[in-house]
Amino acid sequence: MLRGVKAETTAPARAAGPSDAGTAAAFATSWNHVGVGSVYTRAQFEDWLSPIEPASLAGKSVLELGFGNGSLLYHAGAAGPARLVGVELGDTLARTRENLSHLPAGVLELHQGDLTTVDLGAFDVVYCIGVLHHLGVPRAGFDAVLRHTRPGGQFHCWVYAEEGNDVVIRVVDPIRRVASRLPWWVTKYGVALPLTLPYFAYAKLLRRAPEGLAARLPLGQYSRWIAERDFGFFHHVAFDQLVTPETHYIPRATVAGWLLDPAIDPASTYLVRRNGNSWKFGGRRRQEHP
């Protein structure tokens, strides 16, 4: 067993639905064909996790629902949690073990299973980044986030928004419905690659444009953010968007409704628009359920 990997199991749960199983398999193909290490920078991790400060994870029990290849666990592990746990439906454990083998012994636990039904116990901090919108029933994933958050513990999620994604919904999503049925290498190099070229140029131009002008253009704020990265990252994101058979764009009202769950302390909640086209949201579980 590699250093840092305390356990690797298949979590007991009912079989995932065909939609989630297909999505997990598609993303596993993507994650297993990227390089070793995290595909995300430390700054990206901090941005996604904010307003939770990485330093606050030190000494805590932390759970990630839907870990991909461990790219976010990679950065969470650097904060020094006492226990770092992840569950992933796709077959990415081998790549994740490789990416996280540097972590101290006894800290990391990896599980393969359906995050919507698995029971891994209660944690101080639970996060789910970029996963709920790919589930057949996104609310089932959010329920799993709450179920794994201990009383008084924190939870945090990030999802695609319906607002601000008009171009993606009208142009990219119809392509995705076709591309997700193709062999992965056709999708990656025959579809994602040529689509990445003009968008890469567009984003780099917006990076140099006045911020006010960029904000009025399609995907302006998001494009300025992603323009900090190289072409390889653009290609990875495009492939991720096109390889999945299931994507939802979730309106603000839906997320706000989730945060009204009686298990959540209403004084702790937040709902923040990120880069003009996504939502970050979270809060704390009540100390006592009403």
Protein backbone atom coordinates (compact mmCIF):
# COMPACT_ATOMS: atom_id res chain seq x y z
CA MET A 1 0.00 0.00 0.00
CA LEU A 2 1.33 3.43 -0.92
CA ARG A 3 2.25 5.83 1.85
CA GLY A 4 -0.66 8.07 2.75
CA VAL A 5 -3.43 5.72 1.64
CA LYS A 6 -5.09 4.35 4.74
CA ALA A 7 -7.90 2.50 2.98
CA GLU A 8 -9.22 1.82 -0.46
CA THR A 9 -12.63 0.24 -0.57
CA THR A 10 -15.75 -0.12 -2.56
CA ALA A 11 -18.34 1.62 -0.41
CA PRO A 12 -21.47 -0.41 0.30
CA ALA A 13 -24.40 1.12 -1.57
CA ARG A 14 -27.07 0.30 -4.06
CA ALA A 15 -25.97 0.30 -7.70
CA ALA A 16 -25.79 3.77 -9.21
CA GLY A 17 -28.42 4.68 -11.76
CA PRO A 18 -27.49 4.33 -15.43
CA SER A 19 -27.15 8.10 -15.81
CA ASP A 20 -24.70 8.53 -12.92
CA ALA A 21 -22.79 5.37 -13.80
CA GLY A 22 -22.35 6.54 -17.39
CA THR A 23 -21.27 9.99 -16.28
CA ALA A 24 -18.77 8.56 -13.81
CA ALA A 25 -17.29 6.28 -16.47
CA ALA A 26 -16.96 9.20 -18.88
CA PHE A 27 -15.19 11.37 -16.34
CA ALA A 28 -12.94 8.51 -15.31
CA THR A 29 -11.76 8.38 -18.92
CA SER A 30 -10.96 12.08 -18.71
CA TRP A 31 -9.21 11.93 -15.34
CA ASN A 32 -7.17 8.87 -16.22
CA HIS A 33 -5.70 10.63 -19.26
CA VAL A 34 -4.31 13.72 -17.54
CA GLY A 35 -0.88 14.05 -16.01
CA VAL A 36 0.22 13.14 -12.51
CA GLY A 37 -0.49 15.69 -9.79
CA SER A 38 -3.29 18.24 -9.53
CA VAL A 39 -4.64 19.83 -12.69
CA TYR A 40 -5.66 22.81 -10.55
CA THR A 41 -3.42 25.49 -9.11
CA ARG A 42 -3.41 26.33 -5.42
CA ALA A 43 -5.12 29.63 -6.28
CA GLN A 44 -7.92 27.80 -8.10
CA PHE A 45 -8.45 25.50 -5.13
CA GLU A 46 -8.65 28.45 -2.74
CA ASP A 47 -11.06 30.24 -5.08
CA TRP A 48 -13.39 27.23 -5.32
CA LEU A 49 -13.31 26.59 -1.57
CA SER A 50 -13.78 30.22 -0.47
CA PRO A 51 -15.17 31.40 1.93
CA ILE A 52 -13.74 28.36 3.71
CA GLU A 53 -10.07 29.05 4.39
CA PRO A 54 -7.76 26.10 3.65
CA ALA A 55 -5.95 26.73 6.94
CA SER A 56 -9.19 25.98 8.78
CA LEU A 57 -8.97 22.35 7.57
CA ALA A 58 -5.97 21.68 9.82
CA GLY A 59 -6.72 18.95 12.34
CA LYS A 60 -10.25 18.44 10.96
CA SER A 61 -12.02 15.50 9.38
CA VAL A 62 -12.66 16.43 5.73
CA LEU A 63 -14.72 14.66 3.06
CA GLU A 64 -14.80 15.28 -0.70
CA LEU A 65 -17.75 13.86 -2.61
CA GLY A 66 -16.67 13.07 -6.18
CA PHE A 67 -12.87 13.38 -6.11
CA GLY A 68 -12.04 12.68 -9.76
CA ASN A 69 -8.29 12.05 -9.78
CA GLY A 70 -7.67 13.70 -6.40
CA SER A 71 -6.79 17.12 -7.81
CA LEU A 72 -8.64 18.96 -5.03
CA LEU A 73 -7.71 16.43 -2.34
CA TYR A 74 -4.11 17.18 -3.34
CA HIS A 75 -4.48 20.76 -2.08
CA ALA A 76 -6.78 19.93 0.84
CA GLY A 77 -4.14 17.48 2.08
CA ALA A 78 -1.56 20.28 2.22
CA ALA A 79 -3.67 22.00 4.90
CA GLY A 80 -2.96 19.21 7.40
CA PRO A 81 -6.37 17.62 8.07
CA ALA A 82 -6.43 14.85 10.65
CA ARG A 83 -8.52 12.72 8.31
CA LEU A 84 -9.03 13.24 4.57
CA VAL A 85 -11.66 11.05 2.91
CA GLY A 86 -12.94 10.89 -0.65
CA VAL A 87 -15.58 8.91 -2.52
CA GLU A 88 -15.75 8.56 -6.30
CA LEU A 89 -18.00 6.40 -8.47
CA GLY A 90 -15.60 6.28 -11.42
CA ASP A 91 -12.63 3.93 -11.68
CA THR A 92 -9.89 6.46 -10.89
CA LEU A 93 -8.42 5.03 -7.70
CA ALA A 94 -5.10 4.01 -9.25
CA ARG A 95 -4.43 7.50 -10.62
CA THR A 96 -5.60 9.10 -7.38
CA ARG A 97 -3.31 6.89 -5.29
CA GLU A 98 -0.42 8.02 -7.48
CA ASN A 99 -1.36 11.69 -7.12
CA LEU A 100 -1.72 11.53 -3.33
CA SER A 101 1.06 9.13 -2.36
CA HIS A 102 2.99 12.02 -0.77
CA LEU A 103 0.44 12.50 2.02
CA PRO A 104 1.34 11.39 5.57
CA ALA A 105 0.49 7.81 6.46
CA GLY A 106 -2.90 7.24 8.04
CA VAL A 107 -4.53 10.45 6.82
CA LEU A 108 -6.19 9.49 3.53
CA GLU A 109 -9.09 7.14 2.89
CA LEU A 110 -10.34 6.50 -0.65
CA HIS A 111 -13.65 4.83 -1.43
CA GLN A 112 -15.26 3.87 -4.70
CA GLY A 113 -19.04 4.09 -4.62
CA ASP A 114 -22.18 6.09 -5.32
CA LEU A 115 -21.94 9.34 -3.37
CA THR A 116 -25.73 9.72 -3.29
CA THR A 117 -26.22 6.58 -1.20
CA VAL A 118 -22.93 5.81 0.54
CA ASP A 119 -22.64 6.33 4.30
CA LEU A 120 -19.12 7.27 5.42
CA GLY A 121 -20.05 8.86 8.73
CA ALA A 122 -20.05 12.50 9.82
CA PHE A 123 -17.29 15.03 9.08
CA ASP A 124 -16.22 18.47 10.24
CA VAL A 125 -16.05 19.76 6.66
CA VAL A 126 -17.73 18.32 3.56
CA TYR A 127 -17.27 19.76 0.08
CA CYS A 128 -18.55 18.85 -3.37
CA ILE A 129 -17.03 20.84 -6.24
CA GLY A 130 -18.30 20.50 -9.81
CA VAL A 131 -20.21 17.27 -9.25
CA LEU A 132 -23.85 17.93 -8.32
CA HIS A 133 -24.70 19.36 -11.75
CA HIS A 134 -23.58 16.11 -13.41
CA LEU A 135 -25.85 13.86 -11.34
CA GLY A 136 -29.14 12.53 -12.65
CA VAL A 137 -30.76 14.03 -9.52
CA PRO A 138 -28.60 16.91 -8.24
CA ARG A 139 -30.68 17.27 -5.07
CA ALA A 140 -29.77 13.68 -4.12
CA GLY A 141 -26.12 14.72 -4.15
CA PHE A 142 -26.82 17.76 -1.99
CA ASP A 143 -28.70 15.56 0.48
CA ALA A 144 -25.56 13.41 0.68
CA VAL A 145 -23.49 16.50 1.46
CA LEU A 146 -25.78 17.33 4.39
CA ARG A 147 -25.96 13.73 5.57
CA HIS A 148 -22.18 13.58 5.91
CA THR A 149 -21.84 16.93 7.72
CA ARG A 150 -21.71 16.58 11.50
CA PRO A 151 -23.89 18.84 13.69
CA GLY A 152 -22.12 22.21 13.71
CA GLY A 153 -19.93 21.16 10.79
CA GLN A 154 -19.42 23.05 7.52
CA PHE A 155 -20.46 22.12 3.99
CA HIS A 156 -19.59 23.79 0.70
CA CYS A 157 -20.59 23.19 -2.94
CA TRP A 158 -20.02 24.62 -6.41
CA VAL A 159 -22.32 24.13 -9.41
CA TYR A 160 -22.88 25.44 -12.92
CA ALA A 161 -25.47 28.22 -12.97
CA GLU A 162 -28.31 28.58 -15.42
CA GLU A 163 -27.74 32.31 -15.25
CA GLY A 164 -24.80 33.53 -17.34
CA ASN A 165 -24.44 30.35 -19.38
CA ASP A 166 -26.71 31.14 -22.32
CA VAL A 167 -24.00 30.52 -24.93
CA VAL A 168 -22.95 27.23 -23.33
CA ILE A 169 -26.56 26.01 -23.02
CA ARG A 170 -27.49 26.96 -26.58
CA VAL A 171 -24.25 26.09 -28.40
CA VAL A 172 -22.00 23.79 -26.35
CA ASP A 173 -24.64 21.62 -24.69
CA PRO A 174 -26.18 20.36 -27.97
CA ILE A 175 -22.66 19.39 -29.10
CA ARG A 176 -22.12 17.62 -25.77
CA ARG A 177 -25.21 15.45 -26.30
CA VAL A 178 -23.60 14.07 -29.44
CA ALA A 179 -19.93 14.12 -28.41
CA SER A 180 -20.60 12.21 -25.18
CA ARG A 181 -21.64 9.20 -27.26
CA LEU A 182 -18.41 9.09 -29.27
CA PRO A 183 -15.19 7.23 -28.38
CA TRP A 184 -13.28 9.32 -25.84
CA TRP A 185 -10.36 10.00 -28.15
CA VAL A 186 -12.70 11.28 -30.89
CA THR A 187 -14.35 13.62 -28.38
CA LYS A 188 -11.00 14.83 -27.01
CA TYR A 189 -9.11 15.36 -30.24
CA GLY A 190 -11.81 15.53 -32.92
CA VAL A 191 -14.33 17.72 -31.09
CA ALA A 192 -12.87 19.34 -27.97
CA LEU A 193 -9.53 20.30 -29.53
CA PRO A 194 -10.86 22.30 -32.51
CA LEU A 195 -13.47 23.99 -30.30
CA THR A 196 -10.80 24.95 -27.78
CA LEU A 197 -8.71 26.88 -30.31
CA PRO A 198 -11.09 29.82 -30.95
CA TYR A 199 -12.20 29.99 -27.32
CA PHE A 200 -8.58 30.09 -26.13
CA ALA A 201 -7.95 33.08 -28.41
CA TYR A 202 -11.18 34.77 -27.24
CA ALA A 203 -10.32 34.34 -23.55
CA LYS A 204 -6.79 35.64 -23.99
CA LEU A 205 -8.14 38.73 -25.78
CA LEU A 206 -10.63 39.37 -23.00
CA ARG A 207 -7.80 39.07 -20.48
CA ARG A 208 -6.25 42.15 -22.09
CA ALA A 209 -9.56 44.01 -22.53
CA PRO A 210 -10.92 46.50 -19.98
CA GLU A 211 -12.77 44.62 -17.25
CA GLY A 212 -15.97 46.61 -17.82
CA LEU A 213 -16.04 45.66 -21.50
CA ALA A 214 -15.31 42.01 -20.81
CA ALA A 215 -18.15 41.86 -18.26
CA ARG A 216 -20.65 42.77 -20.99
CA LEU A 217 -19.49 40.03 -23.37
CA PRO A 218 -20.57 36.35 -23.30
CA LEU A 219 -18.71 34.42 -20.58
CA GLY A 220 -16.60 37.53 -20.03
CA GLN A 221 -15.84 37.17 -16.34
CA TYR A 222 -15.23 33.42 -16.59
CA SER A 223 -13.03 33.86 -19.67
CA ARG A 224 -10.80 36.39 -17.90
CA TRP A 225 -10.42 33.92 -15.02
CA ILE A 226 -9.53 30.87 -17.13
CA ALA A 227 -7.21 32.93 -19.34
CA GLU A 228 -4.61 32.70 -16.57
CA ARG A 229 -4.08 29.06 -17.55
CA ASP A 230 -2.36 27.48 -20.54
CA PHE A 231 -3.88 25.82 -23.61
CA GLY A 232 -3.62 22.35 -22.06
CA PHE A 233 -5.94 23.34 -19.23
CA PHE A 234 -8.42 24.86 -21.69
CA HIS A 235 -8.41 21.57 -23.61
CA HIS A 236 -8.94 19.59 -20.40
CA VAL A 237 -11.95 21.75 -19.46
CA ALA A 238 -13.45 21.46 -22.94
CA PHE A 239 -13.08 17.67 -22.91
CA ASP A 240 -14.65 17.52 -19.44
CA GLN A 241 -17.64 19.52 -20.68
CA LEU A 242 -18.14 17.40 -23.78
CA VAL A 243 -17.44 13.88 -22.50
CA THR A 244 -20.19 13.76 -19.88
CA PRO A 245 -23.66 12.43 -20.77
CA GLU A 246 -25.34 14.46 -18.01
CA THR A 247 -25.14 18.19 -17.26
CA HIS A 248 -27.59 20.48 -15.51
CA TYR A 249 -27.42 24.26 -15.30
CA ILE A 250 -28.94 25.09 -11.94
CA PRO A 251 -30.85 28.34 -11.33
CA ARG A 252 -30.27 30.44 -8.26
CA ALA A 253 -33.80 29.79 -6.99
CA THR A 254 -33.13 26.04 -6.88
CA VAL A 255 -29.94 26.45 -4.87
CA ALA A 256 -31.64 28.91 -2.53
CA GLY A 257 -34.37 26.31 -1.99
CA TRP A 258 -31.81 23.66 -1.06
CA LEU A 259 -30.39 25.98 1.59
CA LEU A 260 -33.80 26.14 3.30
CA ASP A 261 -33.40 22.53 4.42
CA PRO A 262 -34.33 22.37 8.13
CA ALA A 263 -31.06 20.59 8.92
CA ILE A 264 -29.14 23.77 8.01
CA ASP A 265 -28.52 26.69 10.35
CA PRO A 266 -30.16 29.55 8.37
CA ALA A 267 -27.83 32.15 9.90
CA SER A 268 -24.80 30.34 8.42
CA THR A 269 -25.78 30.08 4.76
CA TYR A 270 -24.23 31.86 1.80
CA LEU A 271 -24.93 31.82 -1.94
CA VAL A 272 -22.32 33.57 -4.09
CA ARG A 273 -22.18 34.00 -7.84
CA ARG A 274 -18.76 32.99 -9.15
CA ASN A 275 -17.28 34.24 -12.44
CA GLY A 276 -20.73 35.21 -13.66
CA ASN A 277 -21.74 31.64 -14.55
CA SER A 278 -21.72 29.43 -11.44
CA TRP A 279 -22.79 29.29 -7.79
CA LYS A 280 -20.79 28.69 -4.63
CA PHE A 281 -22.92 27.97 -1.61
CA GLY A 282 -22.79 26.39 1.80
CA GLY A 283 -23.21 26.84 5.51
CA ARG A 284 -23.32 24.80 8.71
CA ARG A 285 -25.48 21.96 9.87
CA ARG A 286 -27.58 22.78 12.93
CA GLN A 287 -26.24 21.62 16.25
CA GLU A 288 -29.63 20.05 16.80
CA HIS A 289 -32.16 19.17 14.10
CA PRO A 290 -35.47 20.98 14.76
